[in-house]
Amino acid sequence: MADLHYREKLRSIEKAASSSQVSDKAKNIGMGCFSLGTLIFIGFVIFLGISLFINGIIFGSILSFIVAAFFIFILIKLLAAPMLP
């Protein structure tokens, strides 16, 4: 009997996802988690670039800073984009 209960829950989740009935609170939480994860990744890449520069690996540090700048650009464009309906 429990299987039918979970099947109905799955159907309601699928219906909400396919018809864009996701609440604004859930969208904001998802965007916040994604932004936080991206900021942590950017911080790690910048730390890696600084460490490589200190150890004299110039090509690796330049590449790390380029990757960090690319992700910073993506995050800024994503946060500045108009909200979707």
PDB file of N, CA and C in Angstrom:
ATOM      1  N   MET A   1       0.809  -1.201   0.000  1.00  0.00           N
ATOM      2  CA  MET A   1       0.000   0.000   0.000  1.00  0.00           C
ATOM      3  C   MET A   1       0.855   1.268   0.000  1.00  0.00           C
ATOM      4  N   ALA A   2       2.011   1.183   0.631  1.00  0.00           N
ATOM      5  CA  ALA A   2       2.874   2.355   0.695  1.00  0.00           C
ATOM      6  C   ALA A   2       3.385   2.729  -0.686  1.00  0.00           C
ATOM      7  N   ASP A   3       3.526   1.758  -1.568  1.00  0.00           N
ATOM      8  CA  ASP A   3       3.996   2.012  -2.917  1.00  0.00           C
ATOM      9  C   ASP A   3       3.031   2.923  -3.674  1.00  0.00           C
ATOM     10  N   LEU A   4       1.747   2.734  -3.497  1.00  0.00           N
ATOM     11  CA  LEU A   4       0.756   3.590  -4.166  1.00  0.00           C
ATOM     12  C   LEU A   4       0.820   5.018  -3.636  1.00  0.00           C
ATOM     13  N   HIS A   5       1.105   5.172  -2.360  1.00  0.00           N
ATOM     14  CA  HIS A   5       1.217   6.504  -1.768  1.00  0.00           C
ATOM     15  C   HIS A   5       2.382   7.266  -2.398  1.00  0.00           C
ATOM     16  N   TYR A   6       3.528   6.607  -2.536  1.00  0.00           N
ATOM     17  CA  TYR A   6       4.689   7.261  -3.143  1.00  0.00           C
ATOM     18  C   TYR A   6       4.474   7.505  -4.632  1.00  0.00           C
ATOM     19  N   ARG A   7       3.725   6.644  -5.281  1.00  0.00           N
ATOM     20  CA  ARG A   7       3.440   6.835  -6.696  1.00  0.00           C
ATOM     21  C   ARG A   7       2.614   8.101  -6.910  1.00  0.00           C
ATOM     22  N   GLU A   8       1.647   8.344  -6.038  1.00  0.00           N
ATOM     23  CA  GLU A   8       0.833   9.562  -6.145  1.00  0.00           C
ATOM     24  C   GLU A   8       1.662  10.810  -5.842  1.00  0.00           C
ATOM     25  N   LYS A   9       2.562  10.690  -4.861  1.00  0.00           N
ATOM     26  CA  LYS A   9       3.453  11.823  -4.576  1.00  0.00           C
ATOM     27  C   LYS A   9       4.328  12.132  -5.776  1.00  0.00           C
ATOM     28  N   LEU A  10       4.859  11.091  -6.406  1.00  0.00           N
ATOM     29  CA  LEU A  10       5.705  11.284  -7.579  1.00  0.00           C
ATOM     30  C   LEU A  10       4.929  11.912  -8.721  1.00  0.00           C
ATOM     31  N   ARG A  11       3.681  11.513  -8.900  1.00  0.00           N
ATOM     32  CA  ARG A  11       2.852  12.112  -9.947  1.00  0.00           C
ATOM     33  C   ARG A  11       2.600  13.593  -9.690  1.00  0.00           C
ATOM     34  N   SER A  12       2.361  13.956  -8.441  1.00  0.00           N
ATOM     35  CA  SER A  12       2.124  15.372  -8.134  1.00  0.00           C
ATOM     36  C   SER A  12       3.392  16.197  -8.324  1.00  0.00           C
ATOM     37  N   ILE A  13       4.557  15.634  -7.990  1.00  0.00           N
ATOM     38  CA  ILE A  13       5.823  16.340  -8.200  1.00  0.00           C
ATOM     39  C   ILE A  13       6.093  16.499  -9.692  1.00  0.00           C
ATOM     40  N   GLU A  14       5.835  15.449 -10.457  1.00  0.00           N
ATOM     41  CA  GLU A  14       6.032  15.513 -11.902  1.00  0.00           C
ATOM     42  C   GLU A  14       5.098  16.539 -12.538  1.00  0.00           C
ATOM     43  N   LYS A  15       3.853  16.604 -12.076  1.00  0.00           N
ATOM     44  CA  LYS A  15       2.893  17.570 -12.604  1.00  0.00           C
ATOM     45  C   LYS A  15       3.332  18.998 -12.291  1.00  0.00           C
ATOM     46  N   ALA A  16       3.818  19.231 -11.074  1.00  0.00           N
ATOM     47  CA  ALA A  16       4.271  20.573 -10.697  1.00  0.00           C
ATOM     48  C   ALA A  16       5.503  20.983 -11.492  1.00  0.00           C
ATOM     49  N   ALA A  17       6.404  20.050 -11.728  1.00  0.00           N
ATOM     50  CA  ALA A  17       7.624  20.377 -12.476  1.00  0.00           C
ATOM     51  C   ALA A  17       7.330  20.615 -13.951  1.00  0.00           C
ATOM     52  N   SER A  18       6.425  19.840 -14.524  1.00  0.00           N
ATOM     53  CA  SER A  18       6.154  19.992 -15.951  1.00  0.00           C
ATOM     54  C   SER A  18       5.288  21.211 -16.256  1.00  0.00           C
ATOM     55  N   SER A  19       4.462  21.633 -15.320  1.00  0.00           N
ATOM     56  CA  SER A  19       3.586  22.778 -15.586  1.00  0.00           C
ATOM     57  C   SER A  19       4.089  24.058 -14.924  1.00  0.00           C
ATOM     58  N   SER A  20       5.341  24.059 -14.459  1.00  0.00           N
ATOM     59  CA  SER A  20       5.984  25.235 -13.865  1.00  0.00           C
ATOM     60  C   SER A  20       5.202  25.774 -12.671  1.00  0.00           C
ATOM     61  N   GLN A  21       4.741  24.887 -11.813  1.00  0.00           N
ATOM     62  CA  GLN A  21       4.018  25.293 -10.615  1.00  0.00           C
ATOM     63  C   GLN A  21       4.941  25.244  -9.393  1.00  0.00           C
ATOM     64  N   VAL A  22       6.200  25.555  -9.593  1.00  0.00           N
ATOM     65  CA  VAL A  22       7.151  25.565  -8.495  1.00  0.00           C
ATOM     66  C   VAL A  22       7.023  26.905  -7.782  1.00  0.00           C
ATOM     67  N   SER A  23       6.979  26.873  -6.462  1.00  0.00           N
ATOM     68  CA  SER A  23       6.766  28.108  -5.705  1.00  0.00           C
ATOM     69  C   SER A  23       7.986  29.020  -5.796  1.00  0.00           C
ATOM     70  N   ASP A  24       7.755  30.301  -5.564  1.00  0.00           N
ATOM     71  CA  ASP A  24       8.841  31.284  -5.599  1.00  0.00           C
ATOM     72  C   ASP A  24       9.864  31.017  -4.498  1.00  0.00           C
ATOM     73  N   LYS A  25       9.389  30.545  -3.356  1.00  0.00           N
ATOM     74  CA  LYS A  25      10.313  30.246  -2.257  1.00  0.00           C
ATOM     75  C   LYS A  25      11.286  29.140  -2.659  1.00  0.00           C
ATOM     76  N   ALA A  26      10.791  28.117  -3.331  1.00  0.00           N
ATOM     77  CA  ALA A  26      11.653  27.026  -3.778  1.00  0.00           C
ATOM     78  C   ALA A  26      12.633  27.508  -4.841  1.00  0.00           C
ATOM     79  N   LYS A  27      12.173  28.392  -5.730  1.00  0.00           N
ATOM     80  CA  LYS A  27      13.067  28.943  -6.752  1.00  0.00           C
ATOM     81  C   LYS A  27      14.170  29.772  -6.119  1.00  0.00           C
ATOM     82  N   ASN A  28      13.815  30.576  -5.105  1.00  0.00           N
ATOM     83  CA  ASN A  28      14.810  31.412  -4.443  1.00  0.00           C
ATOM     84  C   ASN A  28      15.822  30.569  -3.678  1.00  0.00           C
ATOM     85  N   ILE A  29      15.363  29.511  -3.035  1.00  0.00           N
ATOM     86  CA  ILE A  29      16.278  28.637  -2.310  1.00  0.00           C
ATOM     87  C   ILE A  29      17.226  27.950  -3.285  1.00  0.00           C
ATOM     88  N   GLY A  30      16.706  27.489  -4.404  1.00  0.00           N
ATOM     89  CA  GLY A  30      17.544  26.840  -5.414  1.00  0.00           C
ATOM     90  C   GLY A  30      18.572  27.791  -5.993  1.00  0.00           C
ATOM     91  N   MET A  31      18.157  29.008  -6.280  1.00  0.00           N
ATOM     92  CA  MET A  31      19.087  29.997  -6.823  1.00  0.00           C
ATOM     93  C   MET A  31      20.143  30.369  -5.793  1.00  0.00           C
ATOM     94  N   GLY A  32      19.739  30.467  -4.532  1.00  0.00           N
ATOM     95  CA  GLY A  32      20.689  30.784  -3.477  1.00  0.00           C
ATOM     96  C   GLY A  32      21.724  29.689  -3.293  1.00  0.00           C
ATOM     97  N   CYS A  33      21.285  28.434  -3.327  1.00  0.00           N
ATOM     98  CA  CYS A  33      22.218  27.314  -3.201  1.00  0.00           C
ATOM     99  C   CYS A  33      23.180  27.267  -4.383  1.00  0.00           C
ATOM    100  N   PHE A  34      22.660  27.486  -5.585  1.00  0.00           N
ATOM    101  CA  PHE A  34      23.521  27.496  -6.763  1.00  0.00           C
ATOM    102  C   PHE A  34      24.538  28.632  -6.693  1.00  0.00           C
ATOM    103  N   SER A  35      24.098  29.817  -6.273  1.00  0.00           N
ATOM    104  CA  SER A  35      25.001  30.964  -6.174  1.00  0.00           C
ATOM    105  C   SER A  35      26.077  30.718  -5.117  1.00  0.00           C
ATOM    106  N   LEU A  36      25.685  30.164  -3.978  1.00  0.00           N
ATOM    107  CA  LEU A  36      26.652  29.878  -2.923  1.00  0.00           C
ATOM    108  C   LEU A  36      27.676  28.848  -3.380  1.00  0.00           C
ATOM    109  N   GLY A  37      27.212  27.797  -4.052  1.00  0.00           N
ATOM    110  CA  GLY A  37      28.138  26.787  -4.565  1.00  0.00           C
ATOM    111  C   GLY A  37      29.092  27.361  -5.593  1.00  0.00           C
ATOM    112  N   THR A  38      28.579  28.230  -6.454  1.00  0.00           N
ATOM    113  CA  THR A  38      29.430  28.853  -7.462  1.00  0.00           C
ATOM    114  C   THR A  38      30.456  29.782  -6.815  1.00  0.00           C
ATOM    115  N   LEU A  39      30.049  30.516  -5.786  1.00  0.00           N
ATOM    116  CA  LEU A  39      30.995  31.391  -5.080  1.00  0.00           C
ATOM    117  C   LEU A  39      32.085  30.586  -4.382  1.00  0.00           C
ATOM    118  N   ILE A  40      31.727  29.463  -3.796  1.00  0.00           N
ATOM    119  CA  ILE A  40      32.736  28.607  -3.161  1.00  0.00           C
ATOM    120  C   ILE A  40      33.711  28.068  -4.203  1.00  0.00           C
ATOM    121  N   PHE A  41      33.182  27.659  -5.366  1.00  0.00           N
ATOM    122  CA  PHE A  41      34.044  27.173  -6.447  1.00  0.00           C
ATOM    123  C   PHE A  41      34.975  28.277  -6.948  1.00  0.00           C
ATOM    124  N   ILE A  42      34.448  29.484  -7.106  1.00  0.00           N
ATOM    125  CA  ILE A  42      35.273  30.608  -7.563  1.00  0.00           C
ATOM    126  C   ILE A  42      36.369  30.902  -6.540  1.00  0.00           C
ATOM    127  N   GLY A  43      36.019  30.878  -5.260  1.00  0.00           N
ATOM    128  CA  GLY A  43      37.024  31.092  -4.219  1.00  0.00           C
ATOM    129  C   GLY A  43      38.110  30.043  -4.260  1.00  0.00           C
ATOM    130  N   PHE A  44      37.734  28.786  -4.495  1.00  0.00           N
ATOM    131  CA  PHE A  44      38.733  27.723  -4.591  1.00  0.00           C
ATOM    132  C   PHE A  44      39.644  27.925  -5.790  1.00  0.00           C
ATOM    133  N   VAL A  45      39.086  28.306  -6.932  1.00  0.00           N
ATOM    134  CA  VAL A  45      39.900  28.502  -8.131  1.00  0.00           C
ATOM    135  C   VAL A  45      40.839  29.695  -7.955  1.00  0.00           C
ATOM    136  N   ILE A  46      40.378  30.754  -7.305  1.00  0.00           N
ATOM    137  CA  ILE A  46      41.259  31.897  -7.047  1.00  0.00           C
ATOM    138  C   ILE A  46      42.372  31.502  -6.076  1.00  0.00           C
ATOM    139  N   PHE A  47      42.046  30.742  -5.038  1.00  0.00           N
ATOM    140  CA  PHE A  47      43.064  30.238  -4.116  1.00  0.00           C
ATOM    141  C   PHE A  47      44.079  29.370  -4.856  1.00  0.00           C
ATOM    142  N   LEU A  48      43.602  28.532  -5.759  1.00  0.00           N
ATOM    143  CA  LEU A  48      44.487  27.697  -6.554  1.00  0.00           C
ATOM    144  C   LEU A  48      45.395  28.552  -7.435  1.00  0.00           C
ATOM    145  N   GLY A  49      44.828  29.588  -8.055  1.00  0.00           N
ATOM    146  CA  GLY A  49      45.634  30.474  -8.895  1.00  0.00           C
ATOM    147  C   GLY A  49      46.713  31.200  -8.115  1.00  0.00           C
ATOM    148  N   ILE A  50      46.375  31.662  -6.907  1.00  0.00           N
ATOM    149  CA  ILE A  50      47.364  32.339  -6.075  1.00  0.00           C
ATOM    150  C   ILE A  50      48.455  31.360  -5.640  1.00  0.00           C
ATOM    151  N   SER A  51      48.053  30.150  -5.265  1.00  0.00           N
ATOM    152  CA  SER A  51      49.038  29.142  -4.854  1.00  0.00           C
ATOM    153  C   SER A  51      49.975  28.783  -6.000  1.00  0.00           C
ATOM    154  N   LEU A  52      49.425  28.629  -7.190  1.00  0.00           N
ATOM    155  CA  LEU A  52      50.270  28.323  -8.344  1.00  0.00           C
ATOM    156  C   LEU A  52      51.210  29.472  -8.661  1.00  0.00           C
ATOM    157  N   PHE A  53      50.746  30.701  -8.513  1.00  0.00           N
ATOM    158  CA  PHE A  53      51.596  31.859  -8.770  1.00  0.00           C
ATOM    159  C   PHE A  53      52.741  31.943  -7.770  1.00  0.00           C
ATOM    160  N   ILE A  54      52.437  31.666  -6.509  1.00  0.00           N
ATOM    161  CA  ILE A  54      53.476  31.698  -5.477  1.00  0.00           C
ATOM    162  C   ILE A  54      54.544  30.637  -5.745  1.00  0.00           C
ATOM    163  N   ASN A  55      54.126  29.474  -6.252  1.00  0.00           N
ATOM    164  CA  ASN A  55      55.067  28.390  -6.527  1.00  0.00           C
ATOM    165  C   ASN A  55      55.728  28.504  -7.892  1.00  0.00           C
ATOM    166  N   GLY A  56      55.458  29.561  -8.616  1.00  0.00           N
ATOM    167  CA  GLY A  56      56.145  29.825  -9.871  1.00  0.00           C
ATOM    168  C   GLY A  56      55.553  29.147 -11.091  1.00  0.00           C
ATOM    169  N   ILE A  57      54.350  28.646 -10.996  1.00  0.00           N
ATOM    170  CA  ILE A  57      53.702  28.011 -12.140  1.00  0.00           C
ATOM    171  C   ILE A  57      52.766  29.059 -12.759  1.00  0.00           C
ATOM    172  N   ILE A  58      53.344  29.872 -13.624  1.00  0.00           N
ATOM    173  CA  ILE A  58      52.649  31.043 -14.155  1.00  0.00           C
ATOM    174  C   ILE A  58      51.504  30.643 -15.084  1.00  0.00           C
ATOM    175  N   PHE A  59      51.754  29.672 -15.986  1.00  0.00           N
ATOM    176  CA  PHE A  59      50.708  29.287 -16.937  1.00  0.00           C
ATOM    177  C   PHE A  59      49.474  28.752 -16.209  1.00  0.00           C
ATOM    178  N   GLY A  60      49.680  27.926 -15.214  1.00  0.00           N
ATOM    179  CA  GLY A  60      48.553  27.386 -14.446  1.00  0.00           C
ATOM    180  C   GLY A  60      47.796  28.456 -13.687  1.00  0.00           C
ATOM    181  N   SER A  61      48.536  29.431 -13.146  1.00  0.00           N
ATOM    182  CA  SER A  61      47.861  30.498 -12.400  1.00  0.00           C
ATOM    183  C   SER A  61      47.056  31.399 -13.328  1.00  0.00           C
ATOM    184  N   ILE A  62      47.588  31.695 -14.501  1.00  0.00           N
ATOM    185  CA  ILE A  62      46.849  32.507 -15.465  1.00  0.00           C
ATOM    186  C   ILE A  62      45.586  31.769 -15.907  1.00  0.00           C
ATOM    187  N   LEU A  63      45.715  30.470 -16.156  1.00  0.00           N
ATOM    188  CA  LEU A  63      44.563  29.674 -16.554  1.00  0.00           C
ATOM    189  C   LEU A  63      43.515  29.630 -15.444  1.00  0.00           C
ATOM    190  N   SER A  64      43.951  29.522 -14.207  1.00  0.00           N
ATOM    191  CA  SER A  64      43.015  29.506 -13.078  1.00  0.00           C
ATOM    192  C   SER A  64      42.281  30.840 -12.955  1.00  0.00           C
ATOM    193  N   PHE A  65      42.993  31.942 -13.124  1.00  0.00           N
ATOM    194  CA  PHE A  65      42.346  33.247 -13.038  1.00  0.00           C
ATOM    195  C   PHE A  65      41.369  33.469 -14.199  1.00  0.00           C
ATOM    196  N   ILE A  66      41.694  32.933 -15.375  1.00  0.00           N
ATOM    197  CA  ILE A  66      40.767  33.043 -16.504  1.00  0.00           C
ATOM    198  C   ILE A  66      39.486  32.253 -16.226  1.00  0.00           C
ATOM    199  N   VAL A  67      39.625  31.057 -15.668  1.00  0.00           N
ATOM    200  CA  VAL A  67      38.448  30.248 -15.324  1.00  0.00           C
ATOM    201  C   VAL A  67      37.616  30.957 -14.257  1.00  0.00           C
ATOM    202  N   ALA A  68      38.285  31.527 -13.248  1.00  0.00           N
ATOM    203  CA  ALA A  68      37.560  32.249 -12.198  1.00  0.00           C
ATOM    204  C   ALA A  68      36.835  33.459 -12.775  1.00  0.00           C
ATOM    205  N   ALA A  69      37.483  34.205 -13.662  1.00  0.00           N
ATOM    206  CA  ALA A  69      36.844  35.370 -14.275  1.00  0.00           C
ATOM    207  C   ALA A  69      35.646  34.945 -15.123  1.00  0.00           C
ATOM    208  N   PHE A  70      35.756  33.814 -15.803  1.00  0.00           N
ATOM    209  CA  PHE A  70      34.650  33.301 -16.614  1.00  0.00           C
ATOM    210  C   PHE A  70      33.453  32.958 -15.731  1.00  0.00           C
ATOM    211  N   PHE A  71      33.684  32.296 -14.609  1.00  0.00           N
ATOM    212  CA  PHE A  71      32.581  31.943 -13.724  1.00  0.00           C
ATOM    213  C   PHE A  71      32.011  33.164 -13.003  1.00  0.00           C
ATOM    214  N   ILE A  72      32.830  34.145 -12.707  1.00  0.00           N
ATOM    215  CA  ILE A  72      32.327  35.398 -12.127  1.00  0.00           C
ATOM    216  C   ILE A  72      31.417  36.096 -13.133  1.00  0.00           C
ATOM    217  N   PHE A  73      31.821  36.124 -14.399  1.00  0.00           N
ATOM    218  CA  PHE A  73      31.005  36.726 -15.454  1.00  0.00           C
ATOM    219  C   PHE A  73      29.664  36.007 -15.576  1.00  0.00           C
ATOM    220  N   ILE A  74      29.701  34.669 -15.564  1.00  0.00           N
ATOM    221  CA  ILE A  74      28.460  33.892 -15.659  1.00  0.00           C
ATOM    222  C   ILE A  74      27.546  34.182 -14.476  1.00  0.00           C
ATOM    223  N   LEU A  75      28.106  34.218 -13.269  1.00  0.00           N
ATOM    224  CA  LEU A  75      27.294  34.456 -12.077  1.00  0.00           C
ATOM    225  C   LEU A  75      26.681  35.852 -12.086  1.00  0.00           C
ATOM    226  N   ILE A  76      27.430  36.853 -12.513  1.00  0.00           N
ATOM    227  CA  ILE A  76      26.898  38.215 -12.580  1.00  0.00           C
ATOM    228  C   ILE A  76      25.773  38.304 -13.614  1.00  0.00           C
ATOM    229  N   LYS A  77      25.973  37.688 -14.776  1.00  0.00           N
ATOM    230  CA  LYS A  77      24.932  37.704 -15.803  1.00  0.00           C
ATOM    231  C   LYS A  77      23.692  36.956 -15.329  1.00  0.00           C
ATOM    232  N   LEU A  78      23.870  35.864 -14.612  1.00  0.00           N
ATOM    233  CA  LEU A  78      22.736  35.090 -14.107  1.00  0.00           C
ATOM    234  C   LEU A  78      21.957  35.855 -13.054  1.00  0.00           C
ATOM    235  N   LEU A  79      22.646  36.530 -12.176  1.00  0.00           N
ATOM    236  CA  LEU A  79      21.962  37.290 -11.123  1.00  0.00           C
ATOM    237  C   LEU A  79      21.315  38.560 -11.650  1.00  0.00           C
ATOM    238  N   ALA A  80      21.858  39.121 -12.743  1.00  0.00           N
ATOM    239  CA  ALA A  80      21.309  40.355 -13.311  1.00  0.00           C
ATOM    240  C   ALA A  80      20.205  40.086 -14.335  1.00  0.00           C
ATOM    241  N   ALA A  81      19.996  38.831 -14.687  1.00  0.00           N
ATOM    242  CA  ALA A  81      18.989  38.501 -15.692  1.00  0.00           C
ATOM    243  C   ALA A  81      17.586  38.753 -15.146  1.00  0.00           C
ATOM    244  N   PRO A  82      16.655  39.118 -16.023  1.00  0.00           N
ATOM    245  CA  PRO A  82      15.270  39.300 -15.562  1.00  0.00           C
ATOM    246  C   PRO A  82      14.683  37.967 -15.118  1.00  0.00           C
ATOM    247  N   MET A  83      13.783  38.035 -14.163  1.00  0.00           N
ATOM    248  CA  MET A  83      13.178  36.824 -13.618  1.00  0.00           C
ATOM    249  C   MET A  83      12.258  36.195 -14.667  1.00  0.00           C
ATOM    250  N   LEU A  84      12.299  34.876 -14.756  1.00  0.00           N
ATOM    251  CA  LEU A  84      11.422  34.161 -15.667  1.00  0.00           C
ATOM    252  C   LEU A  84      10.053  33.987 -15.028  1.00  0.00           C
ATOM    253  N   PRO A  85       9.018  33.901 -15.832  1.00  0.00           N
ATOM    254  CA  PRO A  85       7.669  33.744 -15.243  1.00  0.00           C
ATOM    255  C   PRO A  85       7.481  32.389 -14.596  1.00  0.00           C
TER     256      PRO A  85
END
